[in-house]
Amino acid sequence: MKGLRVYNKRIEKTNEPIKGYIYHPLKEGVSDLSVIIFPIIDKLSDYYWFIDKNALSVAIDASAQECDKDEWELIEEINSLIIKRFDSYFLAEKVFFQKYARYIIDDWADIFGLSNLDLDLNQLIGSQYLLPEEKNLYYSNNVTLYFSNVDMLYWEFYSKEDSLLHVVETGLQNRVDVSLEHCNLLNRLL
Protein backbone atom coordinates (compact mmCIF):
# COMPACT_ATOMS: atom_id res chain seq x y z
CA MET A 1 0.00 0.00 0.00
CA LYS A 2 1.45 3.37 -1.03
CA GLY A 3 1.66 6.30 1.34
CA LEU A 4 3.08 9.62 2.40
CA ARG A 5 5.10 10.33 5.53
CA VAL A 6 4.51 13.87 6.77
CA TYR A 7 6.98 15.45 9.18
CA ASN A 8 6.31 18.58 11.19
CA LYS A 9 9.46 20.64 10.71
CA ARG A 10 8.79 22.46 13.95
CA ILE A 11 9.62 19.42 16.05
CA GLU A 12 12.93 20.14 17.76
CA LYS A 13 15.46 17.75 19.17
CA THR A 14 16.62 18.91 22.57
CA ASN A 15 19.35 18.14 25.07
CA GLU A 16 17.39 19.49 27.99
CA PRO A 17 17.13 17.38 31.18
CA ILE A 18 14.70 15.00 29.45
CA LYS A 19 16.22 14.04 26.10
CA GLY A 20 13.86 13.54 23.22
CA TYR A 21 11.47 15.60 21.22
CA ILE A 22 9.38 18.63 22.05
CA TYR A 23 6.13 18.96 20.18
CA HIS A 24 5.16 22.26 18.62
CA PRO A 25 1.79 22.34 16.87
CA LEU A 26 1.77 23.79 13.38
CA LYS A 27 -0.81 26.28 14.52
CA GLU A 28 -2.29 26.87 17.96
CA GLY A 29 -5.05 24.37 18.59
CA VAL A 30 -4.66 22.60 15.23
CA SER A 31 -3.14 19.14 15.08
CA ASP A 32 -0.75 17.98 12.41
CA LEU A 33 -3.42 15.49 11.32
CA SER A 34 -5.86 18.32 10.65
CA VAL A 35 -3.31 19.93 8.35
CA ILE A 36 -2.73 16.65 6.49
CA ILE A 37 -6.40 15.88 5.90
CA PHE A 38 -7.42 19.42 4.95
CA PRO A 39 -6.91 18.84 1.19
CA ILE A 40 -9.20 15.76 1.26
CA ILE A 41 -11.65 16.63 4.03
CA ASP A 42 -14.65 16.50 1.68
CA LYS A 43 -13.79 12.93 0.65
CA LEU A 44 -13.53 11.55 4.20
CA SER A 45 -17.28 11.20 4.71
CA ASP A 46 -17.16 8.26 2.26
CA TYR A 47 -15.62 5.99 4.90
CA TYR A 48 -16.43 4.38 8.23
CA TRP A 49 -13.74 5.02 10.84
CA PHE A 50 -12.05 2.49 13.07
CA ILE A 51 -10.08 4.47 15.63
CA ASP A 52 -7.82 3.71 18.56
CA LYS A 53 -9.76 5.35 21.40
CA ASN A 54 -6.50 6.52 23.00
CA ALA A 55 -5.95 8.67 19.92
CA LEU A 56 -8.68 11.06 21.09
CA SER A 57 -7.96 13.95 23.40
CA VAL A 58 -11.45 13.40 24.81
CA ALA A 59 -12.08 10.55 27.27
CA ILE A 60 -15.11 8.99 25.58
CA ASP A 61 -15.55 6.49 28.43
CA ALA A 62 -15.80 9.20 31.08
CA SER A 63 -18.95 9.68 33.12
CA ALA A 64 -20.93 12.91 33.52
CA GLN A 65 -19.57 13.22 37.08
CA GLU A 66 -15.98 13.28 35.78
CA CYS A 67 -16.54 16.16 33.33
CA ASP A 68 -17.72 19.71 33.19
CA LYS A 69 -20.92 20.40 31.25
CA ASP A 70 -19.24 21.35 27.94
CA GLU A 71 -16.93 18.36 27.95
CA TRP A 72 -19.83 16.02 28.74
CA GLU A 73 -21.87 17.43 25.85
CA LEU A 74 -18.93 16.81 23.51
CA ILE A 75 -18.54 13.23 24.80
CA GLU A 76 -22.25 12.61 24.22
CA GLU A 77 -21.99 13.98 20.67
CA ILE A 78 -19.00 11.77 19.91
CA ASN A 79 -20.61 8.72 21.48
CA SER A 80 -23.74 9.21 19.38
CA LEU A 81 -21.64 8.46 16.28
CA ILE A 82 -20.03 5.30 17.65
CA ILE A 83 -21.44 2.17 16.02
CA LYS A 84 -19.53 -0.41 18.06
CA ARG A 85 -16.91 -0.45 20.81
CA PHE A 86 -13.97 -2.78 21.25
CA ASP A 87 -11.45 -2.88 24.11
CA SER A 88 -9.15 -0.25 22.65
CA TYR A 89 -10.90 0.79 19.42
CA PHE A 90 -14.25 2.04 18.30
CA LEU A 91 -16.08 1.98 14.98
CA ALA A 92 -17.66 5.30 14.04
CA GLU A 93 -20.11 6.60 11.46
CA LYS A 94 -18.85 8.11 8.22
CA VAL A 95 -19.26 11.72 9.38
CA PHE A 96 -17.11 11.18 12.49
CA PHE A 97 -13.76 12.06 11.00
CA GLN A 98 -14.92 15.29 9.38
CA LYS A 99 -16.56 16.48 12.59
CA TYR A 100 -14.06 15.36 15.23
CA ALA A 101 -10.62 14.95 13.62
CA ARG A 102 -9.45 18.00 15.54
CA TYR A 103 -9.70 15.93 18.74
CA ILE A 104 -7.23 13.31 17.50
CA ILE A 105 -3.87 13.75 19.14
CA ASP A 106 -0.58 13.61 17.27
CA ASP A 107 0.89 10.74 19.26
CA TRP A 108 0.77 6.99 18.62
CA ALA A 109 -2.53 6.98 16.79
CA ASP A 110 -3.89 4.38 14.36
CA ILE A 111 -6.95 5.27 12.30
CA PHE A 112 -8.50 3.13 9.58
CA GLY A 113 -10.90 4.31 6.88
CA LEU A 114 -13.18 1.49 5.71
CA SER A 115 -15.31 1.52 2.56
CA ASN A 116 -17.76 -0.99 4.02
CA LEU A 117 -18.39 -2.96 7.17
CA ASP A 118 -17.84 -6.46 5.76
CA LEU A 119 -14.58 -6.81 7.66
CA ASP A 120 -14.00 -8.76 10.89
CA LEU A 121 -12.77 -5.87 13.04
CA ASN A 122 -11.15 -8.19 15.59
CA GLN A 123 -8.93 -9.44 12.76
CA LEU A 124 -8.09 -5.84 11.89
CA ILE A 125 -6.98 -5.23 15.47
CA GLY A 126 -4.80 -8.36 15.37
CA SER A 127 -3.34 -7.46 11.98
CA GLN A 128 -1.16 -4.81 13.58
CA TYR A 129 1.11 -7.61 14.83
CA LEU A 130 1.67 -9.15 11.40
CA LEU A 131 5.00 -9.06 9.59
CA PRO A 132 5.29 -6.17 7.10
CA GLU A 133 4.55 -8.32 4.03
CA GLU A 134 1.48 -9.88 5.65
CA LYS A 135 0.28 -6.54 7.03
CA ASN A 136 0.66 -4.87 3.63
CA LEU A 137 -1.37 -7.64 1.97
CA TYR A 138 -4.05 -7.58 4.68
CA TYR A 139 -4.41 -3.77 4.64
CA SER A 140 -4.36 -3.65 0.84
CA ASN A 141 -7.25 -6.12 0.73
CA ASN A 142 -9.31 -4.77 3.62
CA VAL A 143 -8.53 -1.13 4.46
CA THR A 144 -9.08 1.85 2.16
CA LEU A 145 -7.26 4.53 4.20
CA TYR A 146 -4.80 4.23 7.06
CA PHE A 147 -3.40 7.07 9.17
CA SER A 148 -0.70 6.31 11.71
CA ASN A 149 1.27 8.61 13.98
CA VAL A 150 4.66 7.56 15.29
CA ASP A 151 5.55 9.06 18.66
CA MET A 152 4.66 12.67 17.73
CA LEU A 153 7.39 12.60 15.07
CA TYR A 154 5.38 12.12 11.90
CA TRP A 155 2.11 10.97 10.40
CA GLU A 156 1.90 8.31 7.74
CA PHE A 157 -1.07 8.30 5.37
CA TYR A 158 -1.69 5.20 3.26
CA SER A 159 -4.40 4.89 0.66
CA LYS A 160 -5.64 2.40 -1.91
CA GLU A 161 -6.66 5.45 -3.92
CA ASP A 162 -3.64 7.09 -5.54
CA SER A 163 -5.76 10.15 -6.28
CA LEU A 164 -6.13 10.91 -2.55
CA LEU A 165 -2.38 10.61 -1.99
CA HIS A 166 -1.82 12.96 -4.91
CA VAL A 167 -4.29 15.54 -3.56
CA VAL A 168 -2.66 15.49 -0.10
CA GLU A 169 0.84 15.72 -1.59
CA THR A 170 -0.15 18.59 -3.87
CA GLY A 171 -1.92 20.37 -1.02
CA LEU A 172 1.11 20.16 1.28
CA GLN A 173 4.09 20.42 -1.05
CA ASN A 174 4.44 24.21 -0.77
CA ARG A 175 4.10 24.37 3.00
CA VAL A 176 7.32 25.41 4.72
CA ASP A 177 6.36 23.79 8.04
CA VAL A 178 6.12 20.20 6.78
CA SER A 179 8.27 17.84 4.76
CA LEU A 180 6.96 14.92 2.73
CA GLU A 181 8.36 11.51 1.82
CA HIS A 182 6.81 8.75 -0.24
CA CYS A 183 6.55 5.53 1.72
CA ASN A 184 5.14 2.05 1.41
CA LEU A 185 3.59 -0.12 4.07
CA LEU A 186 6.07 -2.85 3.11
CA ASN A 187 9.04 -0.82 4.27
CA ARG A 188 7.39 0.99 7.14
CA LEU A 189 9.84 2.22 9.78
CA LEU A 190 7.75 0.83 12.67
C-alpha atoms as a PDB file:
ATOM      1  CA  MET A   1       0.000   0.000   0.000  1.00  0.00           C
ATOM      2  CA  LYS A   2       1.450   3.371  -1.032  1.00  0.00           C
ATOM      3  CA  GLY A   3       1.655   6.299   1.337  1.00  0.00           C
ATOM      4  CA  LEU A   4       3.076   9.621   2.401  1.00  0.00           C
ATOM      5  CA  ARG A   5       5.098  10.335   5.526  1.00  0.00           C
ATOM      6  CA  VAL A   6       4.505  13.869   6.767  1.00  0.00           C
ATOM      7  CA  TYR A   7       6.978  15.451   9.181  1.00  0.00           C
ATOM      8  CA  ASN A   8       6.305  18.576  11.192  1.00  0.00           C
ATOM      9  CA  LYS A   9       9.464  20.639  10.705  1.00  0.00           C
ATOM     10  CA  ARG A  10       8.792  22.456  13.954  1.00  0.00           C
ATOM     11  CA  ILE A  11       9.624  19.422  16.048  1.00  0.00           C
ATOM     12  CA  GLU A  12      12.929  20.136  17.759  1.00  0.00           C
ATOM     13  CA  LYS A  13      15.457  17.751  19.167  1.00  0.00           C
ATOM     14  CA  THR A  14      16.616  18.914  22.570  1.00  0.00           C
ATOM     15  CA  ASN A  15      19.352  18.136  25.067  1.00  0.00           C
ATOM     16  CA  GLU A  16      17.387  19.487  27.990  1.00  0.00           C
ATOM     17  CA  PRO A  17      17.132  17.377  31.184  1.00  0.00           C
ATOM     18  CA  ILE A  18      14.696  15.001  29.452  1.00  0.00           C
ATOM     19  CA  LYS A  19      16.215  14.042  26.104  1.00  0.00           C
ATOM     20  CA  GLY A  20      13.857  13.540  23.219  1.00  0.00           C
ATOM     21  CA  TYR A  21      11.467  15.600  21.218  1.00  0.00           C
ATOM     22  CA  ILE A  22       9.382  18.632  22.049  1.00  0.00           C
ATOM     23  CA  TYR A  23       6.131  18.958  20.180  1.00  0.00           C
ATOM     24  CA  HIS A  24       5.160  22.263  18.623  1.00  0.00           C
ATOM     25  CA  PRO A  25       1.788  22.341  16.873  1.00  0.00           C
ATOM     26  CA  LEU A  26       1.771  23.789  13.384  1.00  0.00           C
ATOM     27  CA  LYS A  27      -0.805  26.275  14.521  1.00  0.00           C
ATOM     28  CA  GLU A  28      -2.289  26.875  17.963  1.00  0.00           C
ATOM     29  CA  GLY A  29      -5.052  24.367  18.586  1.00  0.00           C
ATOM     30  CA  VAL A  30      -4.655  22.600  15.229  1.00  0.00           C
ATOM     31  CA  SER A  31      -3.144  19.140  15.080  1.00  0.00           C
ATOM     32  CA  ASP A  32      -0.755  17.977  12.411  1.00  0.00           C
ATOM     33  CA  LEU A  33      -3.419  15.495  11.323  1.00  0.00           C
ATOM     34  CA  SER A  34      -5.863  18.322  10.650  1.00  0.00           C
ATOM     35  CA  VAL A  35      -3.310  19.928   8.350  1.00  0.00           C
ATOM     36  CA  ILE A  36      -2.730  16.646   6.494  1.00  0.00           C
ATOM     37  CA  ILE A  37      -6.404  15.883   5.902  1.00  0.00           C
ATOM     38  CA  PHE A  38      -7.422  19.419   4.946  1.00  0.00           C
ATOM     39  CA  PRO A  39      -6.907  18.836   1.187  1.00  0.00           C
ATOM     40  CA  ILE A  40      -9.198  15.758   1.259  1.00  0.00           C
ATOM     41  CA  ILE A  41     -11.651  16.633   4.025  1.00  0.00           C
ATOM     42  CA  ASP A  42     -14.648  16.500   1.677  1.00  0.00           C
ATOM     43  CA  LYS A  43     -13.794  12.928   0.654  1.00  0.00           C
ATOM     44  CA  LEU A  44     -13.528  11.550   4.196  1.00  0.00           C
ATOM     45  CA  SER A  45     -17.277  11.196   4.705  1.00  0.00           C
ATOM     46  CA  ASP A  46     -17.164   8.258   2.256  1.00  0.00           C
ATOM     47  CA  TYR A  47     -15.622   5.992   4.904  1.00  0.00           C
ATOM     48  CA  TYR A  48     -16.435   4.383   8.225  1.00  0.00           C
ATOM     49  CA  TRP A  49     -13.743   5.024  10.841  1.00  0.00           C
ATOM     50  CA  PHE A  50     -12.051   2.490  13.068  1.00  0.00           C
ATOM     51  CA  ILE A  51     -10.080   4.468  15.627  1.00  0.00           C
ATOM     52  CA  ASP A  52      -7.820   3.712  18.558  1.00  0.00           C
ATOM     53  CA  LYS A  53      -9.756   5.349  21.399  1.00  0.00           C
ATOM     54  CA  ASN A  54      -6.497   6.519  23.003  1.00  0.00           C
ATOM     55  CA  ALA A  55      -5.955   8.670  19.918  1.00  0.00           C
ATOM     56  CA  LEU A  56      -8.675  11.055  21.094  1.00  0.00           C
ATOM     57  CA  SER A  57      -7.961  13.955  23.403  1.00  0.00           C
ATOM     58  CA  VAL A  58     -11.452  13.400  24.811  1.00  0.00           C
ATOM     59  CA  ALA A  59     -12.080  10.552  27.270  1.00  0.00           C
ATOM     60  CA  ILE A  60     -15.114   8.986  25.576  1.00  0.00           C
ATOM     61  CA  ASP A  61     -15.550   6.487  28.425  1.00  0.00           C
ATOM     62  CA  ALA A  62     -15.802   9.201  31.081  1.00  0.00           C
ATOM     63  CA  SER A  63     -18.955   9.680  33.123  1.00  0.00           C
ATOM     64  CA  ALA A  64     -20.930  12.907  33.523  1.00  0.00           C
ATOM     65  CA  GLN A  65     -19.574  13.218  37.080  1.00  0.00           C
ATOM     66  CA  GLU A  66     -15.985  13.282  35.783  1.00  0.00           C
ATOM     67  CA  CYS A  67     -16.537  16.159  33.332  1.00  0.00           C
ATOM     68  CA  ASP A  68     -17.721  19.705  33.185  1.00  0.00           C
ATOM     69  CA  LYS A  69     -20.915  20.402  31.246  1.00  0.00           C
ATOM     70  CA  ASP A  70     -19.242  21.352  27.937  1.00  0.00           C
ATOM     71  CA  GLU A  71     -16.932  18.357  27.952  1.00  0.00           C
ATOM     72  CA  TRP A  72     -19.832  16.015  28.740  1.00  0.00           C
ATOM     73  CA  GLU A  73     -21.874  17.425  25.849  1.00  0.00           C
ATOM     74  CA  LEU A  74     -18.931  16.811  23.509  1.00  0.00           C
ATOM     75  CA  ILE A  75     -18.542  13.235  24.799  1.00  0.00           C
ATOM     76  CA  GLU A  76     -22.252  12.607  24.224  1.00  0.00           C
ATOM     77  CA  GLU A  77     -21.990  13.982  20.665  1.00  0.00           C
ATOM     78  CA  ILE A  78     -18.999  11.773  19.912  1.00  0.00           C
ATOM     79  CA  ASN A  79     -20.607   8.718  21.481  1.00  0.00           C
ATOM     80  CA  SER A  80     -23.744   9.214  19.381  1.00  0.00           C
ATOM     81  CA  LEU A  81     -21.636   8.460  16.285  1.00  0.00           C
ATOM     82  CA  ILE A  82     -20.031   5.297  17.650  1.00  0.00           C
ATOM     83  CA  ILE A  83     -21.441   2.170  16.017  1.00  0.00           C
ATOM     84  CA  LYS A  84     -19.533  -0.407  18.063  1.00  0.00           C
ATOM     85  CA  ARG A  85     -16.909  -0.449  20.811  1.00  0.00           C
ATOM     86  CA  PHE A  86     -13.967  -2.776  21.253  1.00  0.00           C
ATOM     87  CA  ASP A  87     -11.449  -2.876  24.105  1.00  0.00           C
ATOM     88  CA  SER A  88      -9.150  -0.247  22.655  1.00  0.00           C
ATOM     89  CA  TYR A  89     -10.901   0.788  19.424  1.00  0.00           C
ATOM     90  CA  PHE A  90     -14.250   2.042  18.296  1.00  0.00           C
ATOM     91  CA  LEU A  91     -16.078   1.983  14.982  1.00  0.00           C
ATOM     92  CA  ALA A  92     -17.662   5.302  14.039  1.00  0.00           C
ATOM     93  CA  GLU A  93     -20.107   6.604  11.465  1.00  0.00           C
ATOM     94  CA  LYS A  94     -18.853   8.114   8.216  1.00  0.00           C
ATOM     95  CA  VAL A  95     -19.255  11.721   9.383  1.00  0.00           C
ATOM     96  CA  PHE A  96     -17.108  11.180  12.487  1.00  0.00           C
ATOM     97  CA  PHE A  97     -13.760  12.064  10.998  1.00  0.00           C
ATOM     98  CA  GLN A  98     -14.921  15.286   9.379  1.00  0.00           C
ATOM     99  CA  LYS A  99     -16.561  16.481  12.587  1.00  0.00           C
ATOM    100  CA  TYR A 100     -14.064  15.359  15.227  1.00  0.00           C
ATOM    101  CA  ALA A 101     -10.616  14.951  13.616  1.00  0.00           C
ATOM    102  CA  ARG A 102      -9.446  17.996  15.542  1.00  0.00           C
ATOM    103  CA  TYR A 103      -9.697  15.928  18.743  1.00  0.00           C
ATOM    104  CA  ILE A 104      -7.233  13.312  17.497  1.00  0.00           C
ATOM    105  CA  ILE A 105      -3.867  13.751  19.143  1.00  0.00           C
ATOM    106  CA  ASP A 106      -0.577  13.612  17.272  1.00  0.00           C
ATOM    107  CA  ASP A 107       0.888  10.743  19.264  1.00  0.00           C
ATOM    108  CA  TRP A 108       0.772   6.990  18.621  1.00  0.00           C
ATOM    109  CA  ALA A 109      -2.533   6.978  16.792  1.00  0.00           C
ATOM    110  CA  ASP A 110      -3.891   4.376  14.362  1.00  0.00           C
ATOM    111  CA  ILE A 111      -6.948   5.266  12.304  1.00  0.00           C
ATOM    112  CA  PHE A 112      -8.497   3.133   9.583  1.00  0.00           C
ATOM    113  CA  GLY A 113     -10.903   4.311   6.882  1.00  0.00           C
ATOM    114  CA  LEU A 114     -13.176   1.491   5.708  1.00  0.00           C
ATOM    115  CA  SER A 115     -15.308   1.524   2.562  1.00  0.00           C
ATOM    116  CA  ASN A 116     -17.755  -0.987   4.022  1.00  0.00           C
ATOM    117  CA  LEU A 117     -18.388  -2.961   7.174  1.00  0.00           C
ATOM    118  CA  ASP A 118     -17.839  -6.456   5.757  1.00  0.00           C
ATOM    119  CA  LEU A 119     -14.578  -6.807   7.657  1.00  0.00           C
ATOM    120  CA  ASP A 120     -14.003  -8.758  10.886  1.00  0.00           C
ATOM    121  CA  LEU A 121     -12.775  -5.872  13.037  1.00  0.00           C
ATOM    122  CA  ASN A 122     -11.152  -8.186  15.585  1.00  0.00           C
ATOM    123  CA  GLN A 123      -8.925  -9.441  12.757  1.00  0.00           C
ATOM    124  CA  LEU A 124      -8.090  -5.843  11.887  1.00  0.00           C
ATOM    125  CA  ILE A 125      -6.977  -5.232  15.470  1.00  0.00           C
ATOM    126  CA  GLY A 126      -4.803  -8.359  15.367  1.00  0.00           C
ATOM    127  CA  SER A 127      -3.342  -7.460  11.976  1.00  0.00           C
ATOM    128  CA  GLN A 128      -1.156  -4.813  13.584  1.00  0.00           C
ATOM    129  CA  TYR A 129       1.105  -7.609  14.835  1.00  0.00           C
ATOM    130  CA  LEU A 130       1.672  -9.146  11.403  1.00  0.00           C
ATOM    131  CA  LEU A 131       5.004  -9.064   9.586  1.00  0.00           C
ATOM    132  CA  PRO A 132       5.293  -6.167   7.103  1.00  0.00           C
ATOM    133  CA  GLU A 133       4.549  -8.322   4.028  1.00  0.00           C
ATOM    134  CA  GLU A 134       1.475  -9.877   5.652  1.00  0.00           C
ATOM    135  CA  LYS A 135       0.283  -6.544   7.028  1.00  0.00           C
ATOM    136  CA  ASN A 136       0.657  -4.871   3.629  1.00  0.00           C
ATOM    137  CA  LEU A 137      -1.368  -7.642   1.972  1.00  0.00           C
ATOM    138  CA  TYR A 138      -4.053  -7.580   4.678  1.00  0.00           C
ATOM    139  CA  TYR A 139      -4.412  -3.774   4.639  1.00  0.00           C
ATOM    140  CA  SER A 140      -4.361  -3.648   0.837  1.00  0.00           C
ATOM    141  CA  ASN A 141      -7.248  -6.125   0.730  1.00  0.00           C
ATOM    142  CA  ASN A 142      -9.312  -4.767   3.624  1.00  0.00           C
ATOM    143  CA  VAL A 143      -8.532  -1.130   4.461  1.00  0.00           C
ATOM    144  CA  THR A 144      -9.079   1.855   2.164  1.00  0.00           C
ATOM    145  CA  LEU A 145      -7.255   4.531   4.196  1.00  0.00           C
ATOM    146  CA  TYR A 146      -4.801   4.225   7.059  1.00  0.00           C
ATOM    147  CA  PHE A 147      -3.398   7.065   9.169  1.00  0.00           C
ATOM    148  CA  SER A 148      -0.697   6.313  11.706  1.00  0.00           C
ATOM    149  CA  ASN A 149       1.272   8.612  13.975  1.00  0.00           C
ATOM    150  CA  VAL A 150       4.657   7.563  15.288  1.00  0.00           C
ATOM    151  CA  ASP A 151       5.551   9.061  18.655  1.00  0.00           C
ATOM    152  CA  MET A 152       4.664  12.669  17.731  1.00  0.00           C
ATOM    153  CA  LEU A 153       7.385  12.596  15.073  1.00  0.00           C
ATOM    154  CA  TYR A 154       5.376  12.123  11.896  1.00  0.00           C
ATOM    155  CA  TRP A 155       2.109  10.966  10.398  1.00  0.00           C
ATOM    156  CA  GLU A 156       1.896   8.308   7.736  1.00  0.00           C
ATOM    157  CA  PHE A 157      -1.068   8.297   5.369  1.00  0.00           C
ATOM    158  CA  TYR A 158      -1.687   5.199   3.259  1.00  0.00           C
ATOM    159  CA  SER A 159      -4.400   4.890   0.658  1.00  0.00           C
ATOM    160  CA  LYS A 160      -5.638   2.405  -1.906  1.00  0.00           C
ATOM    161  CA  GLU A 161      -6.658   5.447  -3.918  1.00  0.00           C
ATOM    162  CA  ASP A 162      -3.635   7.091  -5.537  1.00  0.00           C
ATOM    163  CA  SER A 163      -5.758  10.152  -6.279  1.00  0.00           C
ATOM    164  CA  LEU A 164      -6.134  10.914  -2.552  1.00  0.00           C
ATOM    165  CA  LEU A 165      -2.381  10.614  -1.994  1.00  0.00           C
ATOM    166  CA  HIS A 166      -1.821  12.961  -4.913  1.00  0.00           C
ATOM    167  CA  VAL A 167      -4.292  15.542  -3.559  1.00  0.00           C
ATOM    168  CA  VAL A 168      -2.655  15.487  -0.104  1.00  0.00           C
ATOM    169  CA  GLU A 169       0.843  15.718  -1.590  1.00  0.00           C
ATOM    170  CA  THR A 170      -0.148  18.594  -3.873  1.00  0.00           C
ATOM    171  CA  GLY A 171      -1.917  20.367  -1.025  1.00  0.00           C
ATOM    172  CA  LEU A 172       1.109  20.159   1.280  1.00  0.00           C
ATOM    173  CA  GLN A 173       4.085  20.418  -1.053  1.00  0.00           C
ATOM    174  CA  ASN A 174       4.443  24.206  -0.774  1.00  0.00           C
ATOM    175  CA  ARG A 175       4.104  24.370   3.000  1.00  0.00           C
ATOM    176  CA  VAL A 176       7.317  25.412   4.720  1.00  0.00           C
ATOM    177  CA  ASP A 177       6.360  23.793   8.040  1.00  0.00           C
ATOM    178  CA  VAL A 178       6.117  20.195   6.776  1.00  0.00           C
ATOM    179  CA  SER A 179       8.266  17.839   4.760  1.00  0.00           C
ATOM    180  CA  LEU A 180       6.960  14.916   2.732  1.00  0.00           C
ATOM    181  CA  GLU A 181       8.356  11.513   1.818  1.00  0.00           C
ATOM    182  CA  HIS A 182       6.808   8.750  -0.235  1.00  0.00           C
ATOM    183  CA  CYS A 183       6.551   5.532   1.722  1.00  0.00           C
ATOM    184  CA  ASN A 184       5.144   2.054   1.411  1.00  0.00           C
ATOM    185  CA  LEU A 185       3.587  -0.123   4.070  1.00  0.00           C
ATOM    186  CA  LEU A 186       6.068  -2.852   3.105  1.00  0.00           C
ATOM    187  CA  ASN A 187       9.045  -0.816   4.274  1.00  0.00           C
ATOM    188  CA  ARG A 188       7.388   0.994   7.138  1.00  0.00           C
ATOM    189  CA  LEU A 189       9.835   2.224   9.783  1.00  0.00           C
ATOM    190  CA  LEU A 190       7.749   0.829  12.669  1.00  0.00           C
END
